Amino acid sequence: MKTLQRIALALVIIGAINWGLIGLFQFDLVATIFGGQDAILSRIVYTLVGISGLICLSLLFAPMTEEEDRDVDNRVIDGRQVSYSTEFAEENDLSDIKEEDRENRDQ
């Protein structure tokens, strides 16, 4: 099912780019490539993009899996774990580390 969703997402992106071109420049890329809006190939592409949009609706309402949930909470950037905690979260006590640093400098 993931392969079908990826293909559908790619077609939705193609459709979005085409609609952006239509809105900004009044240029229909799909119609230009496949011989006009009434050409059978253009209509097939439009239909596939529409069906892909319906398939991608399932992605919008799909619950996050535990793995995706864990990836959001435990991000690693440049080898360091980044925590996007709120102000109500428990803070780490770094006083022990600071005392050890002071002792090491004094020696």
C-alpha atoms as a PDB file:
ATOM      1  CA  MET A   1       0.000   0.000   0.000  1.00  0.00           C
ATOM      2  CA  LYS A   2       2.904   2.378   0.658  1.00  0.00           C
ATOM      3  CA  THR A   3       3.992   2.161  -2.990  1.00  0.00           C
ATOM      4  CA  LEU A   4       0.510   3.089  -4.179  1.00  0.00           C
ATOM      5  CA  GLN A   5       0.432   6.036  -1.760  1.00  0.00           C
ATOM      6  CA  ARG A   6       3.821   7.267  -2.960  1.00  0.00           C
ATOM      7  CA  ILE A   7       2.726   7.085  -6.604  1.00  0.00           C
ATOM      8  CA  ALA A   8      -0.500   8.856  -5.710  1.00  0.00           C
ATOM      9  CA  LEU A   9       1.411  11.563  -3.852  1.00  0.00           C
ATOM     10  CA  ALA A  10       3.711  12.084  -6.853  1.00  0.00           C
ATOM     11  CA  LEU A  11       0.695  12.496  -9.138  1.00  0.00           C
ATOM     12  CA  VAL A  12      -0.936  14.925  -6.701  1.00  0.00           C
ATOM     13  CA  ILE A  13       2.258  16.992  -6.700  1.00  0.00           C
ATOM     14  CA  ILE A  14       2.262  16.998 -10.508  1.00  0.00           C
ATOM     15  CA  GLY A  15      -1.353  18.150 -10.436  1.00  0.00           C
ATOM     16  CA  ALA A  16      -0.549  20.873  -7.917  1.00  0.00           C
ATOM     17  CA  ILE A  17       2.294  22.162 -10.070  1.00  0.00           C
ATOM     18  CA  ASN A  18       0.002  22.138 -13.100  1.00  0.00           C
ATOM     19  CA  TRP A  19      -2.701  24.080 -11.207  1.00  0.00           C
ATOM     20  CA  GLY A  20      -0.065  26.552 -10.015  1.00  0.00           C
ATOM     21  CA  LEU A  21       1.011  27.134 -13.600  1.00  0.00           C
ATOM     22  CA  ILE A  22      -2.606  27.590 -14.665  1.00  0.00           C
ATOM     23  CA  GLY A  23      -3.280  30.042 -11.845  1.00  0.00           C
ATOM     24  CA  LEU A  24      -0.125  32.106 -12.271  1.00  0.00           C
ATOM     25  CA  PHE A  25       0.510  32.013 -15.996  1.00  0.00           C
ATOM     26  CA  GLN A  26      -2.653  30.576 -17.612  1.00  0.00           C
ATOM     27  CA  PHE A  27      -0.452  27.751 -18.896  1.00  0.00           C
ATOM     28  CA  ASP A  28      -1.709  24.161 -18.776  1.00  0.00           C
ATOM     29  CA  LEU A  29       1.427  22.001 -18.892  1.00  0.00           C
ATOM     30  CA  VAL A  30      -0.460  18.686 -19.115  1.00  0.00           C
ATOM     31  CA  ALA A  31      -2.550  19.906 -22.032  1.00  0.00           C
ATOM     32  CA  THR A  32       0.540  21.260 -23.770  1.00  0.00           C
ATOM     33  CA  ILE A  33       2.445  17.990 -23.412  1.00  0.00           C
ATOM     34  CA  PHE A  34      -0.424  15.673 -24.368  1.00  0.00           C
ATOM     35  CA  GLY A  35      -2.156  17.669 -27.107  1.00  0.00           C
ATOM     36  CA  GLY A  36      -4.817  19.863 -25.509  1.00  0.00           C
ATOM     37  CA  GLN A  37      -7.411  19.477 -22.776  1.00  0.00           C
ATOM     38  CA  ASP A  38      -9.689  17.340 -24.910  1.00  0.00           C
ATOM     39  CA  ALA A  39      -6.965  14.851 -25.902  1.00  0.00           C
ATOM     40  CA  ILE A  40      -7.451  11.380 -24.460  1.00  0.00           C
ATOM     41  CA  LEU A  41      -3.980  11.325 -22.847  1.00  0.00           C
ATOM     42  CA  SER A  42      -4.645  14.627 -21.073  1.00  0.00           C
ATOM     43  CA  ARG A  43      -7.958  13.338 -19.781  1.00  0.00           C
ATOM     44  CA  ILE A  44      -6.253  10.177 -18.515  1.00  0.00           C
ATOM     45  CA  VAL A  45      -3.651  12.253 -16.647  1.00  0.00           C
ATOM     46  CA  TYR A  46      -6.373  14.495 -15.164  1.00  0.00           C
ATOM     47  CA  THR A  47      -8.317  11.408 -14.077  1.00  0.00           C
ATOM     48  CA  LEU A  48      -5.249   9.780 -12.501  1.00  0.00           C
ATOM     49  CA  VAL A  49      -4.458  13.001 -10.604  1.00  0.00           C
ATOM     50  CA  GLY A  50      -8.040  13.139  -9.323  1.00  0.00           C
ATOM     51  CA  ILE A  51      -7.987   9.505  -8.188  1.00  0.00           C
ATOM     52  CA  SER A  52      -4.597  10.124  -6.572  1.00  0.00           C
ATOM     53  CA  GLY A  53      -6.087  12.998  -4.611  1.00  0.00           C
ATOM     54  CA  LEU A  54      -8.737  10.662  -3.253  1.00  0.00           C
ATOM     55  CA  ILE A  55      -6.090   8.105  -2.285  1.00  0.00           C
ATOM     56  CA  CYS A  56      -4.054  10.807  -0.512  1.00  0.00           C
ATOM     57  CA  LEU A  57      -7.099  11.727   1.570  1.00  0.00           C
ATOM     58  CA  SER A  58      -6.445   8.543   3.515  1.00  0.00           C
ATOM     59  CA  LEU A  59      -2.988   9.899   4.445  1.00  0.00           C
ATOM     60  CA  LEU A  60      -4.584  12.987   5.928  1.00  0.00           C
ATOM     61  CA  PHE A  61      -6.726  11.019   8.363  1.00  0.00           C
ATOM     62  CA  ALA A  62      -4.320   8.142   9.079  1.00  0.00           C
ATOM     63  CA  PRO A  63      -3.146   7.969  12.699  1.00  0.00           C
ATOM     64  CA  MET A  64       0.585   8.266  13.299  1.00  0.00           C
ATOM     65  CA  THR A  65       2.282   4.977  14.064  1.00  0.00           C
ATOM     66  CA  GLU A  66       4.401   4.590  17.192  1.00  0.00           C
ATOM     67  CA  GLU A  67       7.575   4.712  15.098  1.00  0.00           C
ATOM     68  CA  GLU A  68       6.602   8.032  13.499  1.00  0.00           C
ATOM     69  CA  ASP A  69       5.578   9.330  16.916  1.00  0.00           C
ATOM     70  CA  ARG A  70       8.970   8.356  18.340  1.00  0.00           C
ATOM     71  CA  ASP A  71      10.786  10.031  15.431  1.00  0.00           C
ATOM     72  CA  VAL A  72       9.018  13.310  16.174  1.00  0.00           C
ATOM     73  CA  ASP A  73       9.935  13.193  19.878  1.00  0.00           C
ATOM     74  CA  ASN A  74      13.547  12.000  19.493  1.00  0.00           C
ATOM     75  CA  ARG A  75      15.202  14.069  16.818  1.00  0.00           C
ATOM     76  CA  VAL A  76      18.951  13.847  16.338  1.00  0.00           C
ATOM     77  CA  ILE A  77      20.714  16.745  14.658  1.00  0.00           C
ATOM     78  CA  ASP A  78      24.494  16.761  14.178  1.00  0.00           C
ATOM     79  CA  GLY A  79      24.863  13.798  16.523  1.00  0.00           C
ATOM     80  CA  ARG A  80      23.013  15.512  19.370  1.00  0.00           C
ATOM     81  CA  GLN A  81      19.545  14.651  20.565  1.00  0.00           C
ATOM     82  CA  VAL A  82      17.321  17.708  20.281  1.00  0.00           C
ATOM     83  CA  SER A  83      14.396  18.043  22.642  1.00  0.00           C
ATOM     84  CA  TYR A  84      11.533  20.371  21.850  1.00  0.00           C
ATOM     85  CA  SER A  85      10.024  20.273  25.304  1.00  0.00           C
ATOM     86  CA  THR A  86       7.496  22.727  26.596  1.00  0.00           C
ATOM     87  CA  GLU A  87       8.114  25.000  29.550  1.00  0.00           C
ATOM     88  CA  PHE A  88       6.152  22.576  31.710  1.00  0.00           C
ATOM     89  CA  ALA A  89       8.521  19.694  31.053  1.00  0.00           C
ATOM     90  CA  GLU A  90      10.994  18.427  33.589  1.00  0.00           C
ATOM     91  CA  GLU A  91      14.321  20.196  33.293  1.00  0.00           C
ATOM     92  CA  ASN A  92      17.661  18.441  33.533  1.00  0.00           C
ATOM     93  CA  ASP A  93      19.735  19.152  36.645  1.00  0.00           C
ATOM     94  CA  LEU A  94      23.115  20.310  35.355  1.00  0.00           C
ATOM     95  CA  SER A  95      24.494  21.476  38.717  1.00  0.00           C
ATOM     96  CA  ASP A  96      26.496  18.235  39.147  1.00  0.00           C
ATOM     97  CA  ILE A  97      28.186  18.725  35.800  1.00  0.00           C
ATOM     98  CA  LYS A  98      29.060  22.336  36.611  1.00  0.00           C
ATOM     99  CA  GLU A  99      30.578  21.317  39.953  1.00  0.00           C
ATOM    100  CA  GLU A 100      32.679  18.613  38.269  1.00  0.00           C
ATOM    101  CA  ASP A 101      33.906  21.165  35.710  1.00  0.00           C
ATOM    102  CA  ARG A 102      34.891  23.573  38.494  1.00  0.00           C
ATOM    103  CA  GLU A 103      36.768  20.827  40.337  1.00  0.00           C
ATOM    104  CA  ASN A 104      38.611  19.786  37.179  1.00  0.00           C
ATOM    105  CA  ARG A 105      39.649  23.394  36.472  1.00  0.00           C
ATOM    106  CA  ASP A 106      40.867  23.918  40.035  1.00  0.00           C
ATOM    107  CA  GLN A 107      43.165  20.872  39.837  1.00  0.00           C
END
